[in-house]
Protein backbone atom coordinates (compact mmCIF):
# COMPACT_ATOMS: atom_id res chain seq x y z
CA MET A 1 0.00 0.00 0.00
CA SER A 2 1.20 3.52 -0.77
CA LYS A 3 2.77 5.43 2.15
CA SER A 4 1.46 8.77 0.90
CA PHE A 5 -1.03 10.55 3.12
CA ILE A 6 -3.20 11.42 0.12
CA VAL A 7 -3.76 8.97 -2.74
CA LEU A 8 -6.00 8.93 -5.79
CA GLY A 9 -9.22 6.99 -5.55
CA THR A 10 -11.02 5.42 -8.47
CA VAL A 11 -10.07 7.62 -11.41
CA ASN A 12 -11.18 7.13 -15.01
CA LYS A 13 -12.19 9.19 -18.04
CA LYS A 14 -15.81 9.33 -16.90
CA LEU A 15 -14.73 11.63 -14.06
CA LEU A 16 -14.29 14.34 -16.68
CA LEU A 17 -18.09 14.51 -17.01
CA PRO A 18 -18.81 16.51 -13.81
CA PHE A 19 -15.93 18.88 -14.54
CA PHE A 20 -17.06 19.44 -18.13
CA LEU A 21 -20.53 20.11 -16.75
CA ALA A 22 -19.09 22.61 -14.28
CA ILE A 23 -17.22 24.39 -17.08
CA PHE A 24 -20.40 24.74 -19.15
CA GLN A 25 -22.32 25.93 -16.09
CA ILE A 26 -19.68 28.60 -15.40
CA SER A 27 -19.82 29.63 -19.07
CA TYR A 28 -23.58 29.95 -18.67
CA ILE A 29 -23.14 32.17 -15.59
CA ILE A 30 -20.61 34.42 -17.35
CA PHE A 31 -22.84 34.70 -20.43
CA ASN A 32 -25.90 35.71 -18.38
CA ARG A 33 -23.86 38.25 -16.47
CA TYR A 34 -22.23 40.06 -19.39
CA TYR A 35 -24.56 39.55 -22.35
CA PRO A 36 -25.74 43.04 -23.48
CA VAL A 37 -29.50 42.69 -23.30
CA SER A 38 -31.81 44.40 -20.80
CA VAL A 39 -35.13 42.56 -21.18
CA ASP A 40 -35.86 38.94 -20.27
CA ASN A 41 -38.71 36.99 -21.83
CA ILE A 42 -39.33 34.12 -19.45
CA VAL A 43 -41.86 32.38 -21.69
CA ILE A 44 -39.75 32.22 -24.84
CA GLN A 45 -36.68 31.43 -22.77
CA GLY A 46 -38.66 28.70 -20.98
CA ILE A 47 -39.68 27.15 -24.29
CA SER A 48 -36.05 27.33 -25.43
CA VAL A 49 -34.88 25.63 -22.22
CA ALA A 50 -37.55 22.92 -22.55
CA LEU A 51 -36.66 22.15 -26.18
CA GLY A 52 -32.97 22.01 -25.24
CA GLU A 53 -33.68 19.52 -22.46
CA MET A 54 -36.04 17.44 -24.61
CA SER A 55 -33.32 17.04 -27.24
CA VAL A 56 -31.69 14.48 -24.91
CA LYS A 57 -34.08 12.03 -26.58
CA PHE A 58 -31.74 12.05 -29.59
CA LEU A 59 -28.80 10.91 -27.44
CA PRO A 60 -29.21 7.14 -28.15
CA CYS A 61 -29.22 7.91 -31.89
CA ILE A 62 -26.05 9.98 -31.59
CA LEU A 63 -24.30 7.36 -29.41
CA LYS A 64 -25.81 4.48 -31.43
CA ILE A 65 -27.36 2.84 -28.38
CA ASN A 66 -30.04 0.20 -28.82
CA ASN A 67 -32.67 0.70 -26.13
CA LYS A 68 -33.74 -2.95 -25.97
CA GLU A 69 -30.21 -4.36 -25.95
CA GLU A 70 -28.88 -1.91 -23.38
CA PHE A 71 -31.77 -2.06 -20.91
CA LYS A 72 -33.19 -5.60 -21.11
CA GLU A 73 -33.84 -5.73 -17.36
CA ASN A 74 -36.40 -2.95 -17.71
CA GLU A 75 -38.65 -5.36 -19.64
CA TYR A 76 -39.47 -7.15 -16.39
CA VAL A 77 -41.03 -4.02 -14.88
CA SER A 78 -44.79 -4.08 -15.31
CA MET A 79 -46.47 -1.32 -17.28
CA LYS A 80 -48.41 -0.27 -14.19
CA ARG A 81 -45.21 0.19 -12.20
CA LYS A 82 -43.59 2.10 -15.05
CA ILE A 83 -46.53 4.50 -15.14
CA ILE A 84 -46.32 4.97 -11.36
CA HIS A 85 -42.58 5.67 -11.52
CA TYR A 86 -42.94 8.27 -14.26
CA ILE A 87 -45.87 9.90 -12.44
CA ILE A 88 -43.73 10.17 -9.29
CA LEU A 89 -40.83 11.58 -11.34
CA SER A 90 -43.13 14.15 -12.92
CA ALA A 91 -44.68 15.08 -9.56
CA LEU A 92 -41.26 15.54 -7.95
CA TYR A 93 -40.18 17.79 -10.82
CA LEU A 94 -43.37 19.84 -10.58
CA VAL A 95 -42.93 20.25 -6.82
CA ASN A 96 -39.32 21.21 -7.40
CA ILE A 97 -40.00 23.96 -9.94
CA VAL A 98 -43.02 25.26 -8.00
CA ILE A 99 -40.97 25.67 -4.81
CA ALA A 100 -38.04 27.15 -6.76
CA GLY A 101 -40.47 29.52 -8.48
CA LEU A 102 -41.90 30.48 -5.10
CA ALA A 103 -38.40 31.29 -3.84
CA LYS A 104 -37.72 33.48 -6.90
CA SER A 105 -41.10 35.20 -6.63
CA TYR A 106 -40.50 35.90 -2.93
CA ASP A 107 -37.11 37.46 -3.67
CA LEU A 108 -38.62 39.54 -6.47
CA THR A 109 -41.89 40.74 -4.90
CA VAL A 110 -41.06 40.85 -1.19
CA ARG A 111 -37.33 41.56 -1.14
CA GLY A 112 -37.21 43.53 -4.39
CA ILE A 113 -34.28 41.56 -5.83
CA GLN A 114 -33.88 41.53 -9.60
CA ILE A 115 -34.19 37.93 -10.82
CA ASP A 116 -32.19 36.48 -13.68
CA PHE A 117 -34.80 34.40 -15.48
CA ALA A 118 -32.28 32.96 -17.91
CA GLY A 119 -30.47 30.98 -15.25
CA SER A 120 -30.09 27.25 -15.74
CA ASP A 121 -33.16 25.43 -14.46
CA LEU A 122 -31.08 22.29 -14.01
CA PHE A 123 -29.26 23.68 -10.97
CA PRO A 124 -30.51 25.79 -8.08
CA SER A 125 -28.74 29.03 -7.21
CA ILE A 126 -27.57 28.30 -3.68
CA ASP A 127 -24.83 29.50 -1.35
CA PHE A 128 -22.38 27.24 0.50
CA ILE A 129 -24.59 26.94 3.57
CA LEU A 130 -27.58 25.85 1.50
CA MET A 131 -25.28 23.48 -0.39
CA GLY A 132 -24.39 21.91 2.96
CA PHE A 133 -28.09 21.33 3.60
CA GLU A 134 -28.49 19.74 0.17
CA MET A 135 -25.50 17.50 0.83
CA ILE A 136 -27.04 16.29 4.09
CA PHE A 137 -30.43 15.70 2.45
CA MET A 138 -28.82 13.77 -0.40
CA ILE A 139 -27.04 11.53 2.09
CA LEU A 140 -30.21 10.86 4.09
CA ILE A 141 -32.41 10.26 1.04
CA SER A 142 -29.84 8.02 -0.68
CA ILE A 143 -29.53 5.93 2.50
CA LYS A 144 -33.29 5.40 2.57
CA LEU A 145 -34.04 5.16 -1.15
CA LEU A 146 -30.85 3.79 -2.70
CA LYS A 147 -29.59 1.85 0.34
CA TYR A 148 -26.19 3.57 0.14
CA LYS A 149 -23.77 3.20 3.03
CA TYR A 150 -21.66 6.05 4.34
CA TYR A 151 -18.50 5.71 6.41
CA LYS A 152 -16.32 7.94 8.55
CA HIS A 153 -14.48 9.53 5.60
CA HIS A 154 -17.89 10.61 4.28
CA ILE A 155 -18.96 12.00 7.66
CA TYR A 156 -15.72 13.88 8.38
CA SER A 157 -15.51 15.37 4.88
CA THR A 158 -19.15 16.50 5.10
CA ILE A 159 -18.48 18.22 8.43
CA VAL A 160 -15.39 19.99 7.04
CA LEU A 161 -17.25 21.10 3.92
CA ILE A 162 -20.15 22.51 5.93
CA ILE A 163 -17.91 24.28 8.48
CA PHE A 164 -15.77 26.01 5.85
CA GLY A 165 -18.88 26.76 3.80
CA ILE A 166 -20.28 28.63 6.80
CA ILE A 167 -16.95 30.42 7.29
CA SER A 168 -16.90 31.44 3.61
CA GLU A 169 -20.41 32.88 3.68
CA LEU A 170 -19.70 34.73 6.94
CA CYS A 171 -16.53 36.24 5.46
CA LEU A 172 -18.50 37.28 2.39
CA GLU A 173 -21.11 38.76 4.76
CA THR A 174 -23.90 36.89 3.00
CA TYR A 175 -25.82 36.50 6.26
CA PHE A 176 -24.77 39.76 7.97
CA LYS A 177 -27.12 42.71 8.54
CA LYS A 178 -30.10 40.90 7.04
CA ASP A 179 -33.71 41.35 8.09
CA SER A 180 -36.37 38.72 8.67
CA LYS A 181 -37.35 38.77 4.98
CA PHE A 182 -33.91 37.46 4.06
CA PHE A 183 -34.10 34.51 6.46
CA ILE A 184 -37.63 33.62 5.37
CA GLY A 185 -36.31 33.54 1.80
CA GLN A 186 -33.43 31.31 2.89
CA LEU A 187 -35.87 28.99 4.67
CA ILE A 188 -37.85 28.61 1.44
CA LYS A 189 -34.57 27.77 -0.33
CA VAL A 190 -33.86 25.07 2.27
CA VAL A 191 -37.12 23.47 1.17
CA VAL A 192 -35.85 23.82 -2.42
CA THR A 193 -32.75 21.81 -1.48
CA VAL A 194 -34.95 19.04 -0.04
CA SER A 195 -37.06 18.78 -3.20
CA ASP A 196 -33.97 19.07 -5.40
CA ALA A 197 -32.10 16.30 -3.55
CA THR A 198 -35.19 14.06 -3.65
CA PHE A 199 -35.58 14.62 -7.40
CA TYR A 200 -31.94 13.74 -8.17
CA CYS A 201 -32.01 10.64 -5.94
CA PHE A 202 -35.25 9.39 -7.46
CA LYS A 203 -33.80 9.70 -10.97
CA LYS A 204 -30.84 7.62 -9.81
CA TYR A 205 -33.26 5.15 -8.20
CA MET A 206 -35.10 4.64 -11.50
CA MET A 207 -31.86 4.05 -13.40
CA GLU A 208 -30.04 1.96 -10.80
CA LYS A 209 -32.86 -0.21 -9.49
CA TYR A 210 -35.11 -0.54 -12.55
CA TYR A 211 -32.73 0.22 -15.44
CA TYR A 212 -34.83 2.93 -17.06
CA PRO A 213 -33.04 4.53 -20.03
CA TYR A 214 -31.49 7.77 -18.84
CA TRP A 215 -32.63 9.72 -21.92
CA ASN A 216 -36.28 8.96 -21.09
CA ILE A 217 -35.81 10.16 -17.52
CA ALA A 218 -34.21 13.41 -18.73
CA PHE A 219 -36.86 13.85 -21.43
CA VAL A 220 -39.84 13.94 -19.01
CA PRO A 221 -38.86 17.20 -17.19
CA GLY A 222 -38.34 18.89 -20.56
CA VAL A 223 -41.87 17.94 -21.65
CA ILE A 224 -43.36 19.21 -18.39
CA TYR A 225 -41.43 22.48 -18.64
CA LEU A 226 -42.65 22.95 -22.21
CA ILE A 227 -46.27 22.41 -21.17
CA ILE A 228 -45.94 24.90 -18.31
CA SER A 229 -44.31 27.46 -20.62
CA ILE A 230 -47.13 27.12 -23.17
CA ILE A 231 -49.78 27.51 -20.45
CA VAL A 232 -48.04 30.66 -19.17
CA LEU A 233 -47.84 31.94 -22.75
CA ILE A 234 -51.60 31.54 -23.18
CA VAL A 235 -52.24 33.41 -19.92
CA LEU A 236 -49.92 36.27 -20.96
CA LEU A 237 -51.55 36.63 -24.38
CA PHE A 238 -54.92 37.24 -22.73
CA ASP A 239 -53.61 39.91 -20.35
CA LYS A 240 -55.19 43.29 -21.17
CA ASN A 241 -52.47 45.54 -19.76
CA LYS A 242 -49.71 43.90 -21.79
CA GLU A 243 -46.42 45.86 -21.44
CA ASN A 244 -48.03 48.24 -18.92
CA SER A 245 -48.78 45.40 -16.53
CA VAL A 246 -47.45 45.75 -12.98
CA ASN A 247 -46.40 42.12 -13.17
CA LEU A 248 -42.76 42.00 -14.29
CA TRP A 249 -43.19 38.65 -16.03
CA ILE A 250 -46.04 39.97 -18.19
CA SER A 251 -44.54 43.39 -18.97
CA SER A 252 -41.14 41.91 -19.89
CA PHE A 253 -42.83 39.50 -22.31
CA TYR A 254 -44.23 42.39 -24.40
CA LYS A 255 -41.23 44.70 -23.97
CA PHE A 256 -39.10 41.91 -25.42
CA PHE A 257 -40.55 42.68 -28.87
CA THR A 258 -40.44 46.50 -28.60
CA ASP A 259 -37.21 47.10 -26.69
CA GLY A 260 -35.11 47.75 -29.80
CA THR A 261 -32.69 44.91 -29.00
CA LEU A 262 -34.71 42.09 -30.56
CA GLY A 263 -31.69 40.71 -32.43
CA LEU A 264 -29.61 40.49 -29.25
CA SER A 265 -32.54 38.97 -27.37
CA ILE A 266 -32.99 36.28 -30.00
CA GLY A 267 -29.25 35.58 -29.87
CA ARG A 268 -29.53 35.07 -26.12
CA ILE A 269 -32.41 32.62 -26.54
CA VAL A 270 -30.45 30.65 -29.14
CA PHE A 271 -27.48 30.49 -26.77
CA ILE A 272 -29.71 29.29 -23.92
CA PHE A 273 -31.06 26.54 -26.18
CA VAL A 274 -27.55 25.42 -27.18
CA MET A 275 -26.32 25.42 -23.56
CA HIS A 276 -29.23 23.26 -22.42
CA LEU A 277 -28.67 21.06 -25.44
CA ILE A 278 -25.26 20.31 -23.88
CA ILE A 279 -25.92 20.65 -20.14
CA CYS A 280 -28.96 18.35 -19.96
CA PRO A 281 -27.23 15.24 -21.43
CA LEU A 282 -24.14 15.90 -19.31
CA THR A 283 -26.31 16.15 -16.19
CA ILE A 284 -28.17 12.88 -16.71
CA LEU A 285 -24.93 11.09 -17.65
CA ASN A 286 -23.38 12.30 -14.38
CA ILE A 287 -26.28 10.87 -12.41
CA TYR A 288 -26.20 7.66 -14.48
CA TYR A 289 -22.49 6.94 -13.99
CA PHE A 290 -22.02 8.33 -10.47
CA SER A 291 -23.92 8.81 -7.23
CA PRO A 292 -26.26 11.84 -7.04
CA ASN A 293 -23.74 13.50 -4.70
CA PHE A 294 -21.45 14.14 -7.68
CA ILE A 295 -23.80 16.90 -8.79
CA LEU A 296 -22.43 18.88 -5.82
CA ILE A 297 -19.23 19.40 -7.83
CA ILE A 298 -21.21 21.61 -10.18
CA PHE A 299 -22.92 23.43 -7.30
CA GLN A 300 -19.63 24.17 -5.58
CA ILE A 301 -17.60 25.23 -8.62
CA SER A 302 -20.48 27.42 -9.84
CA ARG A 303 -20.77 29.11 -6.47
CA ILE A 304 -17.01 29.73 -6.34
CA ALA A 305 -17.13 31.29 -9.83
CA ASN A 306 -20.08 33.47 -8.79
CA ASN A 307 -18.27 34.64 -5.67
CA LEU A 308 -15.07 35.49 -7.56
CA MET A 309 -17.05 37.58 -10.07
CA ASN A 310 -19.36 39.31 -7.60
CA ASN A 311 -17.00 40.20 -4.75
CA SER A 312 -14.21 42.71 -4.44
CA VAL A 313 -10.50 41.95 -4.41
CA ASP A 314 -10.31 42.24 -0.61
CA LYS A 315 -12.40 39.05 -0.37
CA LEU A 316 -9.95 36.94 -2.36
CA TYR A 317 -8.59 35.38 0.84
CA CYS A 318 -11.73 33.22 0.77
CA ILE A 319 -10.01 31.19 -1.96
CA VAL A 320 -8.22 29.34 0.84
CA PHE A 321 -11.59 28.23 2.24
CA TYR A 322 -12.79 27.29 -1.24
CA VAL A 323 -9.77 25.00 -1.70
CA ILE A 324 -10.43 23.27 1.63
CA GLN A 325 -14.09 22.79 0.73
CA PHE A 326 -13.16 21.42 -2.68
CA LEU A 327 -10.70 18.93 -1.15
CA ALA A 328 -13.37 17.86 1.36
CA LEU A 329 -15.82 17.27 -1.48
CA MET A 330 -13.23 15.23 -3.43
CA ILE A 331 -12.68 13.08 -0.32
CA HIS A 332 -16.44 12.66 0.13
CA LEU A 333 -16.77 11.53 -3.49
CA GLU A 334 -13.67 9.27 -3.11
CA ILE A 335 -11.84 10.93 -5.98
CA ILE A 336 -8.98 11.34 -3.51
CA GLU A 337 -8.42 9.27 -0.37
CA LEU A 338 -6.80 10.00 3.00
CA ASN A 339 -4.36 7.14 3.56
CA PHE A 340 -4.15 7.30 7.36
CA CYS A 341 -6.21 6.47 10.46
CA GLY A 342 -8.23 4.01 8.36
CA LEU A 343 -10.01 6.85 6.57
CA ASN A 344 -9.81 5.04 3.24
CA LYS A 345 -10.58 1.57 4.58
CA ASN A 346 -14.19 1.65 3.41
CA THR A 347 -13.86 3.49 0.13
CA LYS A 348 -15.50 1.74 -2.81
CA LYS A 349 -12.11 0.98 -4.37
CA ASN A 350 -10.74 -0.73 -1.25
CA ILE A 351 -13.98 -2.60 -0.56
CA ASP A 352 -13.82 -3.98 -4.12
CA LEU A 353 -10.15 -4.94 -3.67
CA ARG A 354 -10.94 -6.80 -0.45
CA GLY A 355 -13.75 -8.59 -2.24
CA ILE A 356 -11.38 -9.72 -4.99
CA ASP A 357 -8.84 -10.93 -2.39
CA ASP A 358 -11.55 -12.86 -0.52
CA ILE A 359 -12.69 -14.57 -3.73
CA SER A 360 -9.09 -15.53 -4.59
CA LEU A 361 -8.54 -16.98 -1.11
CA GLU A 362 -11.78 -18.95 -1.28
CA ARG A 363 -10.78 -20.46 -4.61
CA GLN A 364 -7.33 -21.34 -3.32
CA ASP A 365 -8.74 -22.89 -0.15
CA SER A 366 -11.25 -24.85 -2.21
CA MET A 367 -8.45 -26.23 -4.39
CA LEU A 368 -6.39 -27.22 -1.35
CA ASP A 369 -9.30 -28.94 0.35
CA GLN A 370 -10.39 -30.96 -2.66
CA GLY A 371 -6.91 -32.14 -3.61
CA CYS A 372 -8.02 -32.34 -7.26
CA VAL A 373 -9.91 -29.78 -9.30
CA ASP A 374 -11.26 -30.48 -12.79
CA ILE A 375 -10.50 -27.77 -15.36
CA ASN A 376 -12.48 -29.38 -18.18
CA LYS A 377 -13.41 -32.85 -19.39
CA ASP A 378 -9.80 -33.57 -20.42
CA TYR A 379 -7.62 -32.07 -17.69
CA SER A 380 -7.51 -31.61 -13.91
CA ILE A 381 -5.14 -30.05 -11.38
CA GLU A 382 -4.04 -32.47 -8.67
CA LYS A 383 -2.40 -31.65 -5.35
CA LEU A 384 0.90 -33.54 -4.91
CA GLU A 385 2.24 -34.93 -1.63
CA ASN A 386 5.92 -35.09 -0.62
CA THR A 387 7.24 -33.17 -3.60
CA ASP A 388 8.60 -29.73 -4.36
CA LYS A 389 5.74 -29.02 -6.75
CA ALA A 390 2.46 -28.18 -5.05
CA PHE A 391 0.20 -28.96 -8.04
CA GLU A 392 0.44 -30.82 -11.32
CA MET A 393 -1.83 -30.74 -14.37
CA LYS A 394 -2.82 -34.26 -15.38
CA GLU A 395 -4.87 -35.85 -18.12
CA GLN A 396 -8.05 -37.33 -16.67
CA GLU A 397 -8.40 -41.11 -16.78
CA GLY A 398 -10.33 -42.52 -19.71
CA GLN A 399 -9.67 -39.42 -21.84
CA THR A 400 -7.49 -39.38 -24.93
CA ILE A 401 -5.98 -36.54 -26.91
CA ASP A 402 -6.48 -36.54 -30.65
């Protein structure tokens, strides 16, 4: 075993997926921040987002995956159970976007905070403290739903991540000098983290336990979002006040066409479509190949990028806390391991290695106990007594070689 205090865990090319996803999410954040357009059209942008997410249905064609060959086990799930699972998935998504919408509406109407409607609907906008809550909820839900086991390296890394997340937000004064409206808004966002964690874990449950194709699971939220966007569009078209409406969502819809920046606005919508065309498949592939907790990589890196862009130079010392949090998350996800005090004893890699060793020992013991083990109908391995050679391959009696 390596004597290094820190060693790499299970590393393969698939681990690039969450980091690619984080890069695209950061690109999305930068684009929304600096793109020169003043009016958001939530309906058209919502339709663009929905179509981008629904395009995941073309993924098996692009990757040349045969649904029936790849997911044969799913055939044993009854149609009734399939319908129930997809209804639950749809309900969880609806609950998730309703609560997230409530949080945005509260910030807009009660706290008077300008909302960026073009933000990615695949990931909630949360600070490090809220991310700590989501991490805890993901652990608890995955224990109950997915039967995952967590060990001391998971617990310690979670504690470190939460502590330094709190320190970071306190240094950034996110929670300083805030009134009751702020904390009510944060409480609503805690509920968002519960629904969000439940939604991600249930998607993993459908893929891991019942082998549902991941493109179907990612397709359903896109369809629901499209239906909601069309319903909102119908409501807005019947509004009498149009661009003079006191409702920001309604007025922005009509100002979108008269603002004088229609070309730039259309360019933004096209970009949003393209980004979701990429982000949605990457998201579902992350959940498919890894545990739901891996999505926290995107949350954390996105929050770090947001903080670096939105805070002054005198807050750059927080980078030290970000690094510690990132290392804690890598330990939690077993991308790196702490090789001391038994902290990597129960990582997935070492559990698998012990399993392989146990199987090898069982086979060796079985061979020793039997004295003779048949390889095939022609040959066997026989244990020898009183000789330097432990085993000898012999032709079985009554068999001839052509």
